[in-house]
Amino acid sequence: MSDTRHRQLSRIYGKTIETDRDARAAVAGALGILASALFMEAVESDDVTSLDSARTYLEDRIAFFGDLASAAAGAVRTGFEERLHAWA
């Protein structure tokens, strides 16, 4: 049975993700997609009003995905920061 994290990763990756194993494989297979998606979510959020709040948003989302994205968190942060610097 899928949980909210699986449904959100399905939306982000554009494919069905039903298990933790599917989720980890999707994240590991395309780190840039997750970094881009989380950056776009931050840009579109009314709560993100500064670079610091964008970084806080990212950390909250990484925490939400927990063990499904923990192995990729460093690479996702790097990709997010690259987009953040280009945006600023």
C-alpha atoms as a PDB file:
ATOM      1  CA  MET A   1       0.000   0.000   0.000  1.00  0.00           C
ATOM      2  CA  SER A   2       1.316   3.419  -0.965  1.00  0.00           C
ATOM      3  CA  ASP A   3       1.803   6.196   1.527  1.00  0.00           C
ATOM      4  CA  THR A   4       1.798   9.962   1.025  1.00  0.00           C
ATOM      5  CA  ARG A   5       5.537   9.989   0.337  1.00  0.00           C
ATOM      6  CA  HIS A   6       5.087   7.419  -2.432  1.00  0.00           C
ATOM      7  CA  ARG A   7       2.288   9.445  -3.997  1.00  0.00           C
ATOM      8  CA  GLN A   8       4.346  12.626  -3.906  1.00  0.00           C
ATOM      9  CA  LEU A   9       7.382  10.907  -5.423  1.00  0.00           C
ATOM     10  CA  SER A  10       5.103   9.397  -8.090  1.00  0.00           C
ATOM     11  CA  ARG A  11       4.022  12.922  -9.016  1.00  0.00           C
ATOM     12  CA  ILE A  12       7.606  14.213  -9.016  1.00  0.00           C
ATOM     13  CA  TYR A  13       9.009  11.348 -11.104  1.00  0.00           C
ATOM     14  CA  GLY A  14       5.972  10.868 -13.319  1.00  0.00           C
ATOM     15  CA  LYS A  15       5.690   7.160 -12.628  1.00  0.00           C
ATOM     16  CA  THR A  16       4.003   4.846 -10.185  1.00  0.00           C
ATOM     17  CA  ILE A  17       5.913   4.386  -6.963  1.00  0.00           C
ATOM     18  CA  GLU A  18       4.247   1.918  -4.618  1.00  0.00           C
ATOM     19  CA  THR A  19       7.005   0.697  -2.317  1.00  0.00           C
ATOM     20  CA  ASP A  20       9.937   2.104  -0.396  1.00  0.00           C
ATOM     21  CA  ARG A  21      12.220   0.160  -2.701  1.00  0.00           C
ATOM     22  CA  ASP A  22      10.624   1.808  -5.769  1.00  0.00           C
ATOM     23  CA  ALA A  23      11.000   5.202  -4.096  1.00  0.00           C
ATOM     24  CA  ARG A  24      14.672   4.756  -3.246  1.00  0.00           C
ATOM     25  CA  ALA A  25      15.405   3.520  -6.766  1.00  0.00           C
ATOM     26  CA  ALA A  26      13.646   6.513  -8.350  1.00  0.00           C
ATOM     27  CA  VAL A  27      15.494   8.989  -6.158  1.00  0.00           C
ATOM     28  CA  ALA A  28      18.888   7.322  -6.640  1.00  0.00           C
ATOM     29  CA  GLY A  29      18.345   7.037 -10.390  1.00  0.00           C
ATOM     30  CA  ALA A  30      17.611  10.720 -10.975  1.00  0.00           C
ATOM     31  CA  LEU A  31      18.747  13.016  -8.176  1.00  0.00           C
ATOM     32  CA  GLY A  32      18.381  16.113 -10.341  1.00  0.00           C
ATOM     33  CA  ILE A  33      14.668  15.532 -10.745  1.00  0.00           C
ATOM     34  CA  LEU A  34      14.088  15.638  -7.004  1.00  0.00           C
ATOM     35  CA  ALA A  35      16.308  18.702  -6.553  1.00  0.00           C
ATOM     36  CA  SER A  36      14.472  20.509  -9.365  1.00  0.00           C
ATOM     37  CA  ALA A  37      11.039  19.531  -8.095  1.00  0.00           C
ATOM     38  CA  LEU A  38      11.780  20.655  -4.548  1.00  0.00           C
ATOM     39  CA  PHE A  39      13.243  23.906  -5.839  1.00  0.00           C
ATOM     40  CA  MET A  40      10.114  24.585  -7.913  1.00  0.00           C
ATOM     41  CA  GLU A  41       7.917  23.800  -4.912  1.00  0.00           C
ATOM     42  CA  ALA A  42       9.918  26.325  -2.878  1.00  0.00           C
ATOM     43  CA  VAL A  43       9.623  28.972  -5.601  1.00  0.00           C
ATOM     44  CA  GLU A  44       5.862  28.488  -5.748  1.00  0.00           C
ATOM     45  CA  SER A  45       5.377  28.494  -1.967  1.00  0.00           C
ATOM     46  CA  ASP A  46       3.982  31.633  -0.363  1.00  0.00           C
ATOM     47  CA  ASP A  47       5.973  30.743   2.748  1.00  0.00           C
ATOM     48  CA  VAL A  48       9.329  31.027   0.965  1.00  0.00           C
ATOM     49  CA  THR A  49      10.323  34.674   0.993  1.00  0.00           C
ATOM     50  CA  SER A  50      14.124  34.509   1.214  1.00  0.00           C
ATOM     51  CA  LEU A  51      17.087  32.283   0.490  1.00  0.00           C
ATOM     52  CA  ASP A  52      17.071  31.139   4.116  1.00  0.00           C
ATOM     53  CA  SER A  53      13.395  30.224   4.008  1.00  0.00           C
ATOM     54  CA  ALA A  54      14.005  28.323   0.748  1.00  0.00           C
ATOM     55  CA  ARG A  55      16.716  26.312   2.488  1.00  0.00           C
ATOM     56  CA  THR A  56      14.417  25.672   5.433  1.00  0.00           C
ATOM     57  CA  TYR A  57      11.729  24.500   3.017  1.00  0.00           C
ATOM     58  CA  LEU A  58      14.217  22.082   1.439  1.00  0.00           C
ATOM     59  CA  GLU A  59      15.266  20.667   4.807  1.00  0.00           C
ATOM     60  CA  ASP A  60      11.642  20.177   5.815  1.00  0.00           C
ATOM     61  CA  ARG A  61      10.928  18.289   2.585  1.00  0.00           C
ATOM     62  CA  ILE A  62      14.039  16.119   2.938  1.00  0.00           C
ATOM     63  CA  ALA A  63      12.950  15.307   6.495  1.00  0.00           C
ATOM     64  CA  PHE A  64       9.449  14.482   5.229  1.00  0.00           C
ATOM     65  CA  PHE A  65      10.835  11.930   2.750  1.00  0.00           C
ATOM     66  CA  GLY A  66      13.075  10.547   5.495  1.00  0.00           C
ATOM     67  CA  ASP A  67      14.805   7.290   4.706  1.00  0.00           C
ATOM     68  CA  LEU A  68      13.476   7.321   1.147  1.00  0.00           C
ATOM     69  CA  ALA A  69      15.768  10.237   0.283  1.00  0.00           C
ATOM     70  CA  SER A  70      18.353  10.240   3.083  1.00  0.00           C
ATOM     71  CA  ALA A  71      21.089   8.568   1.018  1.00  0.00           C
ATOM     72  CA  ALA A  72      20.625  11.212  -1.673  1.00  0.00           C
ATOM     73  CA  ALA A  73      20.140  14.218   0.616  1.00  0.00           C
ATOM     74  CA  GLY A  74      23.613  15.652   0.005  1.00  0.00           C
ATOM     75  CA  ALA A  75      23.262  15.534  -3.768  1.00  0.00           C
ATOM     76  CA  VAL A  76      19.734  16.946  -3.580  1.00  0.00           C
ATOM     77  CA  ARG A  77      20.996  19.828  -1.416  1.00  0.00           C
ATOM     78  CA  THR A  78      23.782  20.527  -3.919  1.00  0.00           C
ATOM     79  CA  GLY A  79      21.370  20.554  -6.863  1.00  0.00           C
ATOM     80  CA  PHE A  80      18.931  22.749  -4.954  1.00  0.00           C
ATOM     81  CA  GLU A  81      21.707  25.223  -4.047  1.00  0.00           C
ATOM     82  CA  GLU A  82      22.804  25.448  -7.701  1.00  0.00           C
ATOM     83  CA  ARG A  83      19.284  26.369  -8.709  1.00  0.00           C
ATOM     84  CA  LEU A  84      18.945  28.730  -5.761  1.00  0.00           C
ATOM     85  CA  HIS A  85      22.101  30.640  -6.697  1.00  0.00           C
ATOM     86  CA  ALA A  86      20.977  30.941 -10.318  1.00  0.00           C
ATOM     87  CA  TRP A  87      17.583  32.235  -9.123  1.00  0.00           C
ATOM     88  CA  ALA A  88      19.057  34.778  -6.700  1.00  0.00           C
END
